[in-house]
Amino acid sequence: MTGNVLSIIIVGGGPIGIACALEARRHGIDCLVLEKGTLVNSIYHYPVNMTFFSTSERLEIGGVPFVSNNPKPTRSEALEYYRRVTQDRRVPIHLFEEVTDITQDGAGFSEVRTTKSVYRARYVIVATGFYDIPYPLNVPGEELPKVKHYYRDPHFYAFQKIVVVGAMNSAVDAALETWRKGADVTMVVRGTEIGHRVKYWVRPDIENRIAEGSIRAYFQSTVTAIRASDVDLLTPEGPVTIANDWVLALTGYQPNLPFLEKIGIELCSDESCKPAYDEQTHETNRPGIYLAGVICGGMNTHRLFIENSREHAVRIVDDIRKKARL
């Protein structure tokens, strides 16, 4: 166990976790960010050619301007921005160090256990996002190496037969980009149409490619089995088997709610599984433990984004300053 007691430990080194650290340091409060992967790990795992829906100024943190070449920044620009902010503002951060448990003693201090060490802090902010756990298909063959729940680079799939499962931004981007690299693309969509939240400049593109037959799409359909060289689908017209090399199961992601339960944070009993926290201060039912960012929405992962979560840092640090008289 480390000897010193920190004022704040922040779990998660994404944009909101960094924003919390910047706000703490702005008020002279010592802190440490613990991140299980690389810096802004979720953004790093976005597709390499991804363009944000938001404009650059809405992704800014800590009052540091985000200048991009176009109104809507790319993944690579975001990685550069958050790295430079972290470096220039000297945010104390430990990367590739996963928090495994948080317990509290009788004096109100938290013991934060990681894969590398144990820390003590007066306050803890959990800002772990929602990109950790993919929604499974729950079908035979999903464990095969050909099934991917994250999509990175379209070149990898050139001249291959691809099934893309899903109809939101990640799935649409994957379908269009791999098709343009020469892949034979089939989309499998549970609903009746492409998702309404798909980026407005991309939606006409995918709809036109489907209409002209360049990309096949089975709507109101599901994958029922996956094998080494083909895939079974259930469509409105009945079962269909198609030849296949790769399955991109881009059906969305969910926050690590079991971790919240493990550290004693209560979850709503309804399907939202929203964690218990004060909307004004973001303190949970565990005194001294706060939530920031998308994790606050539970399973409603589309309610909160970087642009409407940045203010969480201000609320949390303001409450900590009042409690600790800092």
C-alpha atoms as a PDB file:
ATOM      1  CA  MET A   1       0.000   0.000   0.000  1.00  0.00           C
ATOM      2  CA  THR A   2       1.239   3.464  -0.820  1.00  0.00           C
ATOM      3  CA  GLY A   3       2.128   5.543   2.199  1.00  0.00           C
ATOM      4  CA  ASN A   4       0.406   8.812   1.316  1.00  0.00           C
ATOM      5  CA  VAL A   5      -3.311   9.430   1.411  1.00  0.00           C
ATOM      6  CA  LEU A   6      -4.506  11.150  -1.739  1.00  0.00           C
ATOM      7  CA  SER A   7      -7.318  13.663  -1.734  1.00  0.00           C
ATOM      8  CA  ILE A   8      -8.967  12.244  -4.890  1.00  0.00           C
ATOM      9  CA  ILE A   9      -8.535   9.111  -6.947  1.00  0.00           C
ATOM     10  CA  ILE A  10     -10.232   9.102 -10.337  1.00  0.00           C
ATOM     11  CA  VAL A  11     -11.075   5.731 -11.877  1.00  0.00           C
ATOM     12  CA  GLY A  12     -10.996   6.050 -15.655  1.00  0.00           C
ATOM     13  CA  GLY A  13      -8.680   8.021 -17.919  1.00  0.00           C
ATOM     14  CA  GLY A  14     -11.208   9.052 -20.549  1.00  0.00           C
ATOM     15  CA  PRO A  15     -12.138  12.656 -21.365  1.00  0.00           C
ATOM     16  CA  ILE A  16     -14.385  13.026 -18.309  1.00  0.00           C
ATOM     17  CA  GLY A  17     -11.875  11.443 -15.947  1.00  0.00           C
ATOM     18  CA  ILE A  18      -9.222  13.831 -17.240  1.00  0.00           C
ATOM     19  CA  ALA A  19     -11.677  16.729 -16.913  1.00  0.00           C
ATOM     20  CA  CYS A  20     -12.177  15.826 -13.242  1.00  0.00           C
ATOM     21  CA  ALA A  21      -8.407  15.811 -12.708  1.00  0.00           C
ATOM     22  CA  LEU A  22      -8.047  19.185 -14.424  1.00  0.00           C
ATOM     23  CA  GLU A  23     -10.767  20.680 -12.236  1.00  0.00           C
ATOM     24  CA  ALA A  24      -9.160  19.266  -9.076  1.00  0.00           C
ATOM     25  CA  ARG A  25      -5.736  20.603 -10.015  1.00  0.00           C
ATOM     26  CA  ARG A  26      -7.248  23.993 -10.882  1.00  0.00           C
ATOM     27  CA  HIS A  27      -8.176  24.272  -7.211  1.00  0.00           C
ATOM     28  CA  GLY A  28      -4.852  22.906  -5.966  1.00  0.00           C
ATOM     29  CA  ILE A  29      -6.284  19.526  -4.939  1.00  0.00           C
ATOM     30  CA  ASP A  30      -3.980  16.536  -5.343  1.00  0.00           C
ATOM     31  CA  CYS A  31      -5.347  13.642  -7.372  1.00  0.00           C
ATOM     32  CA  LEU A  32      -4.405  10.535  -9.324  1.00  0.00           C
ATOM     33  CA  VAL A  33      -6.097   9.034 -12.384  1.00  0.00           C
ATOM     34  CA  LEU A  34      -6.065   5.241 -12.722  1.00  0.00           C
ATOM     35  CA  GLU A  35      -6.798   3.849 -16.203  1.00  0.00           C
ATOM     36  CA  LYS A  36      -6.954   0.157 -17.066  1.00  0.00           C
ATOM     37  CA  GLY A  37      -5.864   0.708 -20.678  1.00  0.00           C
ATOM     38  CA  THR A  38      -4.257   3.422 -22.732  1.00  0.00           C
ATOM     39  CA  LEU A  39      -5.085   7.117 -22.435  1.00  0.00           C
ATOM     40  CA  VAL A  40      -8.708   7.781 -23.503  1.00  0.00           C
ATOM     41  CA  ASN A  41      -8.962   4.045 -24.044  1.00  0.00           C
ATOM     42  CA  SER A  42     -12.462   4.083 -25.554  1.00  0.00           C
ATOM     43  CA  ILE A  43     -11.574   6.661 -28.207  1.00  0.00           C
ATOM     44  CA  TYR A  44      -8.423   4.712 -29.033  1.00  0.00           C
ATOM     45  CA  HIS A  45     -10.605   1.684 -29.833  1.00  0.00           C
ATOM     46  CA  TYR A  46     -12.884   3.642 -32.159  1.00  0.00           C
ATOM     47  CA  PRO A  47     -12.500   2.886 -35.887  1.00  0.00           C
ATOM     48  CA  VAL A  48      -9.365   4.529 -37.265  1.00  0.00           C
ATOM     49  CA  ASN A  49     -11.325   6.672 -39.738  1.00  0.00           C
ATOM     50  CA  MET A  50     -14.086   7.700 -37.314  1.00  0.00           C
ATOM     51  CA  THR A  51     -15.424  11.259 -37.371  1.00  0.00           C
ATOM     52  CA  PHE A  52     -17.209  12.618 -34.290  1.00  0.00           C
ATOM     53  CA  PHE A  53     -20.804  13.770 -34.470  1.00  0.00           C
ATOM     54  CA  SER A  54     -19.924  16.669 -32.165  1.00  0.00           C
ATOM     55  CA  THR A  55     -17.942  19.733 -33.157  1.00  0.00           C
ATOM     56  CA  SER A  56     -14.497  20.212 -31.639  1.00  0.00           C
ATOM     57  CA  GLU A  57     -15.460  22.943 -29.140  1.00  0.00           C
ATOM     58  CA  ARG A  58     -18.020  20.596 -27.587  1.00  0.00           C
ATOM     59  CA  LEU A  59     -15.293  18.055 -26.885  1.00  0.00           C
ATOM     60  CA  GLU A  60     -13.038  20.508 -25.083  1.00  0.00           C
ATOM     61  CA  ILE A  61     -12.142  19.952 -21.429  1.00  0.00           C
ATOM     62  CA  GLY A  62     -10.479  22.140 -18.836  1.00  0.00           C
ATOM     63  CA  GLY A  63     -10.968  25.259 -20.937  1.00  0.00           C
ATOM     64  CA  VAL A  64      -8.262  24.122 -23.382  1.00  0.00           C
ATOM     65  CA  PRO A  65      -9.207  24.929 -27.003  1.00  0.00           C
ATOM     66  CA  PHE A  66      -9.597  21.974 -29.371  1.00  0.00           C
ATOM     67  CA  VAL A  67      -8.602  23.058 -32.878  1.00  0.00           C
ATOM     68  CA  SER A  68      -9.380  20.621 -35.705  1.00  0.00           C
ATOM     69  CA  ASN A  69      -9.011  20.782 -39.477  1.00  0.00           C
ATOM     70  CA  ASN A  70     -12.758  20.461 -40.014  1.00  0.00           C
ATOM     71  CA  PRO A  71     -15.806  21.367 -37.907  1.00  0.00           C
ATOM     72  CA  LYS A  72     -16.180  17.734 -36.812  1.00  0.00           C
ATOM     73  CA  PRO A  73     -12.893  16.290 -35.555  1.00  0.00           C
ATOM     74  CA  THR A  74     -11.553  12.843 -36.284  1.00  0.00           C
ATOM     75  CA  ARG A  75     -10.455  10.105 -33.917  1.00  0.00           C
ATOM     76  CA  SER A  76      -6.776  10.885 -34.527  1.00  0.00           C
ATOM     77  CA  GLU A  77      -7.330  14.587 -33.758  1.00  0.00           C
ATOM     78  CA  ALA A  78      -9.145  13.703 -30.538  1.00  0.00           C
ATOM     79  CA  LEU A  79      -6.349  11.370 -29.440  1.00  0.00           C
ATOM     80  CA  GLU A  80      -3.805  14.118 -30.074  1.00  0.00           C
ATOM     81  CA  TYR A  81      -5.906  16.710 -28.232  1.00  0.00           C
ATOM     82  CA  TYR A  82      -6.494  14.670 -25.079  1.00  0.00           C
ATOM     83  CA  ARG A  83      -2.867  13.506 -24.997  1.00  0.00           C
ATOM     84  CA  ARG A  84      -1.584  17.064 -25.261  1.00  0.00           C
ATOM     85  CA  VAL A  85      -3.992  18.295 -22.591  1.00  0.00           C
ATOM     86  CA  THR A  86      -2.922  15.508 -20.240  1.00  0.00           C
ATOM     87  CA  GLN A  87       0.750  16.164 -20.926  1.00  0.00           C
ATOM     88  CA  ASP A  88       0.712  19.958 -20.879  1.00  0.00           C
ATOM     89  CA  ARG A  89      -1.451  20.180 -17.751  1.00  0.00           C
ATOM     90  CA  ARG A  90       0.637  17.480 -16.090  1.00  0.00           C
ATOM     91  CA  VAL A  91      -2.272  15.314 -15.116  1.00  0.00           C
ATOM     92  CA  PRO A  92      -1.011  12.536 -12.804  1.00  0.00           C
ATOM     93  CA  ILE A  93      -2.145   9.311 -14.431  1.00  0.00           C
ATOM     94  CA  HIS A  94      -1.235   5.622 -14.221  1.00  0.00           C
ATOM     95  CA  LEU A  95      -2.034   3.744 -17.424  1.00  0.00           C
ATOM     96  CA  PHE A  96      -2.636   0.008 -17.781  1.00  0.00           C
ATOM     97  CA  GLU A  97      -3.505  -0.215 -14.094  1.00  0.00           C
ATOM     98  CA  GLU A  98      -7.005  -1.588 -13.546  1.00  0.00           C
ATOM     99  CA  VAL A  99      -8.971  -0.868 -10.388  1.00  0.00           C
ATOM    100  CA  THR A 100     -10.330  -4.154  -9.055  1.00  0.00           C
ATOM    101  CA  ASP A 101     -12.033  -3.076  -5.826  1.00  0.00           C
ATOM    102  CA  ILE A 102     -12.837  -0.083  -3.630  1.00  0.00           C
ATOM    103  CA  THR A 103     -13.571  -0.494   0.056  1.00  0.00           C
ATOM    104  CA  GLN A 104     -14.046   2.031   2.841  1.00  0.00           C
ATOM    105  CA  ASP A 105     -12.794   2.016   6.384  1.00  0.00           C
ATOM    106  CA  GLY A 106     -14.458   3.357   9.502  1.00  0.00           C
ATOM    107  CA  ALA A 107     -12.662   6.679   9.187  1.00  0.00           C
ATOM    108  CA  GLY A 108     -14.272   7.403   5.818  1.00  0.00           C
ATOM    109  CA  PHE A 109     -11.224   6.742   3.671  1.00  0.00           C
ATOM    110  CA  SER A 110     -11.370   4.608   0.554  1.00  0.00           C
ATOM    111  CA  GLU A 111      -8.904   1.836  -0.147  1.00  0.00           C
ATOM    112  CA  VAL A 112      -8.508   1.496  -3.900  1.00  0.00           C
ATOM    113  CA  ARG A 113      -7.043  -1.822  -4.975  1.00  0.00           C
ATOM    114  CA  THR A 114      -5.579  -2.209  -8.464  1.00  0.00           C
ATOM    115  CA  THR A 115      -3.728  -4.829 -10.467  1.00  0.00           C
ATOM    116  CA  LYS A 116      -0.472  -3.163  -9.406  1.00  0.00           C
ATOM    117  CA  SER A 117      -0.922  -1.514  -6.021  1.00  0.00           C
ATOM    118  CA  VAL A 118      -3.248  -0.326  -3.262  1.00  0.00           C
ATOM    119  CA  TYR A 119      -4.015   3.358  -2.622  1.00  0.00           C
ATOM    120  CA  ARG A 120      -5.869   5.335   0.024  1.00  0.00           C
ATOM    121  CA  ALA A 121      -7.928   8.385  -0.802  1.00  0.00           C
ATOM    122  CA  ARG A 122     -10.443  10.620   0.902  1.00  0.00           C
ATOM    123  CA  TYR A 123     -12.637  10.789  -2.190  1.00  0.00           C
ATOM    124  CA  VAL A 124     -13.057   8.610  -5.274  1.00  0.00           C
ATOM    125  CA  ILE A 125     -14.570   9.570  -8.645  1.00  0.00           C
ATOM    126  CA  VAL A 126     -15.648   6.702 -10.903  1.00  0.00           C
ATOM    127  CA  ALA A 127     -15.652   7.758 -14.570  1.00  0.00           C
ATOM    128  CA  THR A 128     -15.456   4.437 -16.367  1.00  0.00           C
ATOM    129  CA  GLY A 129     -17.674   5.098 -19.392  1.00  0.00           C
ATOM    130  CA  PHE A 130     -19.556   2.343 -21.198  1.00  0.00           C
ATOM    131  CA  TYR A 131     -17.298   0.899 -23.899  1.00  0.00           C
ATOM    132  CA  ASP A 132     -16.081  -2.062 -21.858  1.00  0.00           C
ATOM    133  CA  ILE A 133     -18.593  -4.842 -22.461  1.00  0.00           C
ATOM    134  CA  PRO A 134     -20.098  -5.616 -25.886  1.00  0.00           C
ATOM    135  CA  TYR A 135     -23.653  -6.850 -26.102  1.00  0.00           C
ATOM    136  CA  PRO A 136     -23.357 -10.556 -27.010  1.00  0.00           C
ATOM    137  CA  LEU A 137     -25.298 -12.207 -29.821  1.00  0.00           C
ATOM    138  CA  ASN A 138     -25.778 -15.313 -27.658  1.00  0.00           C
ATOM    139  CA  VAL A 139     -25.658 -17.680 -30.613  1.00  0.00           C
ATOM    140  CA  PRO A 140     -23.633 -20.823 -31.338  1.00  0.00           C
ATOM    141  CA  GLY A 141     -20.259 -19.972 -32.839  1.00  0.00           C
ATOM    142  CA  GLU A 142     -19.951 -16.522 -31.303  1.00  0.00           C
ATOM    143  CA  GLU A 143     -16.717 -17.620 -29.667  1.00  0.00           C
ATOM    144  CA  LEU A 144     -15.026 -18.223 -33.043  1.00  0.00           C
ATOM    145  CA  PRO A 145     -12.036 -15.982 -33.892  1.00  0.00           C
ATOM    146  CA  LYS A 146     -13.901 -14.672 -36.962  1.00  0.00           C
ATOM    147  CA  VAL A 147     -16.383 -12.836 -34.707  1.00  0.00           C
ATOM    148  CA  LYS A 148     -15.314  -9.322 -33.706  1.00  0.00           C
ATOM    149  CA  HIS A 149     -17.161  -6.938 -31.372  1.00  0.00           C
ATOM    150  CA  TYR A 150     -14.840  -4.016 -32.162  1.00  0.00           C
ATOM    151  CA  TYR A 151     -14.068  -2.667 -35.620  1.00  0.00           C
ATOM    152  CA  ARG A 152     -10.812  -0.853 -36.379  1.00  0.00           C
ATOM    153  CA  ASP A 153      -9.380  -0.762 -39.901  1.00  0.00           C
ATOM    154  CA  PRO A 154     -11.301  -1.502 -43.139  1.00  0.00           C
ATOM    155  CA  HIS A 155      -8.214  -2.665 -45.069  1.00  0.00           C
ATOM    156  CA  PHE A 156      -8.101  -5.821 -42.947  1.00  0.00           C
ATOM    157  CA  TYR A 157     -11.384  -6.982 -44.508  1.00  0.00           C
ATOM    158  CA  ALA A 158     -10.508  -6.288 -48.160  1.00  0.00           C
ATOM    159  CA  PHE A 159     -11.978  -8.895 -50.572  1.00  0.00           C
ATOM    160  CA  GLN A 160     -13.619 -10.809 -47.686  1.00  0.00           C
ATOM    161  CA  LYS A 161     -17.247 -11.761 -47.097  1.00  0.00           C
ATOM    162  CA  ILE A 162     -18.390  -9.666 -44.143  1.00  0.00           C
ATOM    163  CA  VAL A 163     -21.555  -9.826 -42.058  1.00  0.00           C
ATOM    164  CA  VAL A 164     -22.138  -6.624 -40.084  1.00  0.00           C
ATOM    165  CA  VAL A 165     -24.682  -6.994 -37.287  1.00  0.00           C
ATOM    166  CA  GLY A 166     -26.316  -3.738 -36.193  1.00  0.00           C
ATOM    167  CA  ALA A 167     -27.648  -0.514 -37.685  1.00  0.00           C
ATOM    168  CA  MET A 168     -26.139   2.295 -35.637  1.00  0.00           C
ATOM    169  CA  ASN A 169     -23.055   4.442 -36.295  1.00  0.00           C
ATOM    170  CA  SER A 170     -20.393   1.789 -35.706  1.00  0.00           C
ATOM    171  CA  ALA A 171     -22.164  -0.779 -37.861  1.00  0.00           C
ATOM    172  CA  VAL A 172     -22.896   1.674 -40.678  1.00  0.00           C
ATOM    173  CA  ASP A 173     -19.322   2.993 -40.709  1.00  0.00           C
ATOM    174  CA  ALA A 174     -17.968  -0.559 -40.826  1.00  0.00           C
ATOM    175  CA  ALA A 175     -20.308  -1.579 -43.632  1.00  0.00           C
ATOM    176  CA  LEU A 176     -19.476   1.420 -45.811  1.00  0.00           C
ATOM    177  CA  GLU A 177     -15.737   1.446 -45.174  1.00  0.00           C
ATOM    178  CA  THR A 178     -15.172  -2.283 -45.709  1.00  0.00           C
ATOM    179  CA  TRP A 179     -17.350  -2.207 -48.856  1.00  0.00           C
ATOM    180  CA  ARG A 180     -15.193   0.590 -50.243  1.00  0.00           C
ATOM    181  CA  LYS A 181     -12.116  -1.595 -49.637  1.00  0.00           C
ATOM    182  CA  GLY A 182     -13.601  -4.351 -51.765  1.00  0.00           C
ATOM    183  CA  ALA A 183     -15.415  -6.429 -49.144  1.00  0.00           C
ATOM    184  CA  ASP A 184     -18.650  -8.287 -49.922  1.00  0.00           C
ATOM    185  CA  VAL A 185     -20.872  -6.787 -47.197  1.00  0.00           C
ATOM    186  CA  THR A 186     -24.146  -8.039 -45.743  1.00  0.00           C
ATOM    187  CA  MET A 187     -25.899  -6.162 -42.959  1.00  0.00           C
ATOM    188  CA  VAL A 188     -28.179  -7.925 -40.470  1.00  0.00           C
ATOM    189  CA  VAL A 189     -30.556  -5.494 -38.769  1.00  0.00           C
ATOM    190  CA  ARG A 190     -32.997  -6.404 -36.020  1.00  0.00           C
ATOM    191  CA  GLY A 191     -35.250  -3.414 -36.751  1.00  0.00           C
ATOM    192  CA  THR A 192     -37.031  -2.222 -39.858  1.00  0.00           C
ATOM    193  CA  GLU A 193     -34.530   0.449 -40.901  1.00  0.00           C
ATOM    194  CA  ILE A 194     -31.137   2.054 -40.313  1.00  0.00           C
ATOM    195  CA  GLY A 195     -30.953   3.654 -36.853  1.00  0.00           C
ATOM    196  CA  HIS A 196     -32.230   7.205 -36.431  1.00  0.00           C
ATOM    197  CA  ARG A 197     -29.113   8.246 -34.493  1.00  0.00           C
ATOM    198  CA  VAL A 198     -26.796   7.487 -37.411  1.00  0.00           C
ATOM    199  CA  LYS A 199     -24.803  10.587 -38.410  1.00  0.00           C
ATOM    200  CA  TYR A 200     -26.908  12.662 -40.782  1.00  0.00           C
ATOM    201  CA  TRP A 201     -24.219  12.881 -43.456  1.00  0.00           C
ATOM    202  CA  VAL A 202     -23.714   9.096 -43.421  1.00  0.00           C
ATOM    203  CA  ARG A 203     -27.303   7.875 -43.371  1.00  0.00           C
ATOM    204  CA  PRO A 204     -28.098   8.746 -47.030  1.00  0.00           C
ATOM    205  CA  ASP A 205     -24.896   6.998 -48.113  1.00  0.00           C
ATOM    206  CA  ILE A 206     -25.766   3.668 -46.490  1.00  0.00           C
ATOM    207  CA  GLU A 207     -29.398   3.866 -47.605  1.00  0.00           C
ATOM    208  CA  ASN A 208     -28.320   4.469 -51.198  1.00  0.00           C
ATOM    209  CA  ARG A 209     -25.797   1.612 -51.144  1.00  0.00           C
ATOM    210  CA  ILE A 210     -28.514  -0.723 -49.855  1.00  0.00           C
ATOM    211  CA  ALA A 211     -31.067   0.535 -52.387  1.00  0.00           C
ATOM    212  CA  GLU A 212     -28.720  -0.044 -55.319  1.00  0.00           C
ATOM    213  CA  GLY A 213     -27.751  -3.494 -54.043  1.00  0.00           C
ATOM    214  CA  SER A 214     -24.074  -2.737 -53.418  1.00  0.00           C
ATOM    215  CA  ILE A 215     -24.557  -3.691 -49.752  1.00  0.00           C
ATOM    216  CA  ARG A 216     -27.123  -6.366 -48.957  1.00  0.00           C
ATOM    217  CA  ALA A 217     -29.300  -5.806 -45.897  1.00  0.00           C
ATOM    218  CA  TYR A 218     -31.647  -8.162 -44.092  1.00  0.00           C
ATOM    219  CA  PHE A 219     -34.046  -6.141 -41.944  1.00  0.00           C
ATOM    220  CA  GLN A 220     -36.125  -7.600 -39.101  1.00  0.00           C
ATOM    221  CA  SER A 221     -33.528 -10.353 -39.051  1.00  0.00           C
ATOM    222  CA  THR A 222     -31.095 -11.965 -36.630  1.00  0.00           C
ATOM    223  CA  VAL A 223     -28.024 -14.182 -36.701  1.00  0.00           C
ATOM    224  CA  THR A 224     -28.874 -17.643 -35.352  1.00  0.00           C
ATOM    225  CA  ALA A 225     -25.591 -19.547 -35.802  1.00  0.00           C
ATOM    226  CA  ILE A 226     -22.018 -18.887 -36.901  1.00  0.00           C
ATOM    227  CA  ARG A 227     -19.644 -21.415 -38.424  1.00  0.00           C
ATOM    228  CA  ALA A 228     -16.164 -21.240 -39.912  1.00  0.00           C
ATOM    229  CA  SER A 229     -17.318 -20.599 -43.481  1.00  0.00           C
ATOM    230  CA  ASP A 230     -20.950 -19.508 -43.239  1.00  0.00           C
ATOM    231  CA  VAL A 231     -23.640 -17.891 -41.084  1.00  0.00           C
ATOM    232  CA  ASP A 232     -27.300 -18.739 -40.460  1.00  0.00           C
ATOM    233  CA  LEU A 233     -29.840 -15.920 -40.441  1.00  0.00           C
ATOM    234  CA  LEU A 234     -33.502 -15.831 -39.522  1.00  0.00           C
ATOM    235  CA  THR A 235     -35.301 -13.420 -41.857  1.00  0.00           C
ATOM    236  CA  PRO A 236     -38.982 -12.544 -42.428  1.00  0.00           C
ATOM    237  CA  GLU A 237     -38.851 -14.881 -45.440  1.00  0.00           C
ATOM    238  CA  GLY A 238     -37.425 -17.728 -43.370  1.00  0.00           C
ATOM    239  CA  PRO A 239     -33.972 -19.162 -42.566  1.00  0.00           C
ATOM    240  CA  VAL A 240     -31.057 -18.135 -44.810  1.00  0.00           C
ATOM    241  CA  THR A 241     -27.471 -19.409 -44.876  1.00  0.00           C
ATOM    242  CA  ILE A 242     -24.783 -17.221 -46.460  1.00  0.00           C
ATOM    243  CA  ALA A 243     -21.075 -17.736 -47.065  1.00  0.00           C
ATOM    244  CA  ASN A 244     -18.979 -15.702 -44.656  1.00  0.00           C
ATOM    245  CA  ASP A 245     -15.394 -14.964 -43.598  1.00  0.00           C
ATOM    246  CA  TRP A 246     -15.914 -12.426 -40.779  1.00  0.00           C
ATOM    247  CA  VAL A 247     -18.736 -11.310 -38.492  1.00  0.00           C
ATOM    248  CA  LEU A 248     -18.631  -7.781 -37.077  1.00  0.00           C
ATOM    249  CA  ALA A 249     -21.118  -7.866 -34.198  1.00  0.00           C
ATOM    250  CA  LEU A 250     -21.476  -4.110 -33.649  1.00  0.00           C
ATOM    251  CA  THR A 251     -24.609  -4.211 -31.527  1.00  0.00           C
ATOM    252  CA  GLY A 252     -23.506  -1.734 -28.879  1.00  0.00           C
ATOM    253  CA  TYR A 253     -21.749  -1.728 -25.538  1.00  0.00           C
ATOM    254  CA  GLN A 254     -22.671  -1.521 -21.884  1.00  0.00           C
ATOM    255  CA  PRO A 255     -21.054  -0.087 -18.753  1.00  0.00           C
ATOM    256  CA  ASN A 256     -19.416  -2.271 -16.148  1.00  0.00           C
ATOM    257  CA  LEU A 257     -22.357  -2.193 -13.752  1.00  0.00           C
ATOM    258  CA  PRO A 258     -21.208  -5.305 -11.846  1.00  0.00           C
ATOM    259  CA  PHE A 259     -18.168  -3.278 -10.731  1.00  0.00           C
ATOM    260  CA  LEU A 260     -20.451  -0.566  -9.323  1.00  0.00           C
ATOM    261  CA  GLU A 261     -22.437  -3.206  -7.437  1.00  0.00           C
ATOM    262  CA  LYS A 262     -19.222  -4.743  -6.159  1.00  0.00           C
ATOM    263  CA  ILE A 263     -18.144  -1.463  -4.568  1.00  0.00           C
ATOM    264  CA  GLY A 264     -21.571  -0.989  -2.979  1.00  0.00           C
ATOM    265  CA  ILE A 265     -23.300   1.443  -5.333  1.00  0.00           C
ATOM    266  CA  GLU A 266     -27.003   0.749  -5.629  1.00  0.00           C
ATOM    267  CA  LEU A 267     -28.659   0.350  -9.046  1.00  0.00           C
ATOM    268  CA  CYS A 268     -32.269   1.003 -10.003  1.00  0.00           C
ATOM    269  CA  SER A 269     -34.343  -2.148 -10.270  1.00  0.00           C
ATOM    270  CA  ASP A 270     -35.794  -1.169 -13.661  1.00  0.00           C
ATOM    271  CA  GLU A 271     -34.168  -1.827 -17.047  1.00  0.00           C
ATOM    272  CA  SER A 272     -32.172   1.413 -16.896  1.00  0.00           C
ATOM    273  CA  CYS A 273     -30.056   0.103 -13.982  1.00  0.00           C
ATOM    274  CA  LYS A 274     -29.274   3.732 -13.203  1.00  0.00           C
ATOM    275  CA  PRO A 275     -26.823   4.063 -10.307  1.00  0.00           C
ATOM    276  CA  ALA A 276     -27.884   5.858  -7.139  1.00  0.00           C
ATOM    277  CA  TYR A 277     -26.305   9.311  -6.971  1.00  0.00           C
ATOM    278  CA  ASP A 278     -27.254  12.892  -6.165  1.00  0.00           C
ATOM    279  CA  GLU A 279     -27.978  14.779  -9.392  1.00  0.00           C
ATOM    280  CA  GLN A 280     -26.476  17.988  -7.968  1.00  0.00           C
ATOM    281  CA  THR A 281     -23.291  16.677  -6.362  1.00  0.00           C
ATOM    282  CA  HIS A 282     -22.896  13.282  -8.107  1.00  0.00           C
ATOM    283  CA  GLU A 283     -22.119  11.630  -4.771  1.00  0.00           C
ATOM    284  CA  THR A 284     -23.421   8.068  -4.634  1.00  0.00           C
ATOM    285  CA  ASN A 285     -25.068   6.198  -1.795  1.00  0.00           C
ATOM    286  CA  ARG A 286     -21.514   5.454  -0.661  1.00  0.00           C
ATOM    287  CA  PRO A 287     -20.299   8.695   0.988  1.00  0.00           C
ATOM    288  CA  GLY A 288     -17.138   9.995  -0.606  1.00  0.00           C
ATOM    289  CA  ILE A 289     -17.597   8.036  -3.862  1.00  0.00           C
ATOM    290  CA  TYR A 290     -18.800   9.998  -6.892  1.00  0.00           C
ATOM    291  CA  LEU A 291     -19.838   9.164 -10.451  1.00  0.00           C
ATOM    292  CA  ALA A 292     -18.975  11.193 -13.545  1.00  0.00           C
ATOM    293  CA  GLY A 293     -19.723  10.836 -17.239  1.00  0.00           C
ATOM    294  CA  VAL A 294     -21.718   8.256 -19.141  1.00  0.00           C
ATOM    295  CA  ILE A 295     -21.673   5.764 -16.247  1.00  0.00           C
ATOM    296  CA  CYS A 296     -24.246   8.005 -14.527  1.00  0.00           C
ATOM    297  CA  GLY A 297     -26.886   6.902 -17.031  1.00  0.00           C
ATOM    298  CA  GLY A 298     -26.614   3.196 -16.324  1.00  0.00           C
ATOM    299  CA  MET A 299     -27.854   1.318 -19.389  1.00  0.00           C
ATOM    300  CA  ASN A 300     -29.090   4.569 -20.967  1.00  0.00           C
ATOM    301  CA  THR A 301     -25.720   5.084 -22.596  1.00  0.00           C
ATOM    302  CA  HIS A 302     -27.028   7.485 -25.246  1.00  0.00           C
ATOM    303  CA  ARG A 303     -28.221  10.075 -22.729  1.00  0.00           C
ATOM    304  CA  LEU A 304     -24.808  11.420 -21.782  1.00  0.00           C
ATOM    305  CA  PHE A 305     -21.863  12.424 -23.960  1.00  0.00           C
ATOM    306  CA  ILE A 306     -18.605  14.324 -23.487  1.00  0.00           C
ATOM    307  CA  GLU A 307     -20.288  17.661 -24.170  1.00  0.00           C
ATOM    308  CA  ASN A 308     -22.999  17.282 -21.514  1.00  0.00           C
ATOM    309  CA  SER A 309     -20.814  15.446 -18.987  1.00  0.00           C
ATOM    310  CA  ARG A 310     -17.971  17.955 -18.704  1.00  0.00           C
ATOM    311  CA  GLU A 311     -19.967  19.869 -16.101  1.00  0.00           C
ATOM    312  CA  HIS A 312     -19.891  16.808 -13.825  1.00  0.00           C
ATOM    313  CA  ALA A 313     -16.279  17.617 -12.986  1.00  0.00           C
ATOM    314  CA  VAL A 314     -17.200  21.077 -11.730  1.00  0.00           C
ATOM    315  CA  ARG A 315     -20.103  19.800  -9.610  1.00  0.00           C
ATOM    316  CA  ILE A 316     -18.069  17.030  -8.037  1.00  0.00           C
ATOM    317  CA  VAL A 317     -14.992  19.063  -7.208  1.00  0.00           C
ATOM    318  CA  ASP A 318     -17.160  21.881  -5.866  1.00  0.00           C
ATOM    319  CA  ASP A 319     -18.860  19.433  -3.482  1.00  0.00           C
ATOM    320  CA  ILE A 320     -15.538  17.947  -2.411  1.00  0.00           C
ATOM    321  CA  ARG A 321     -14.155  21.414  -1.726  1.00  0.00           C
ATOM    322  CA  LYS A 322     -17.149  22.204   0.486  1.00  0.00           C
ATOM    323  CA  LYS A 323     -16.878  18.948   2.397  1.00  0.00           C
ATOM    324  CA  ALA A 324     -13.114  19.129   2.853  1.00  0.00           C
ATOM    325  CA  ARG A 325     -13.029  22.932   3.165  1.00  0.00           C
ATOM    326  CA  LEU A 326     -10.429  23.145   0.414  1.00  0.00           C
END
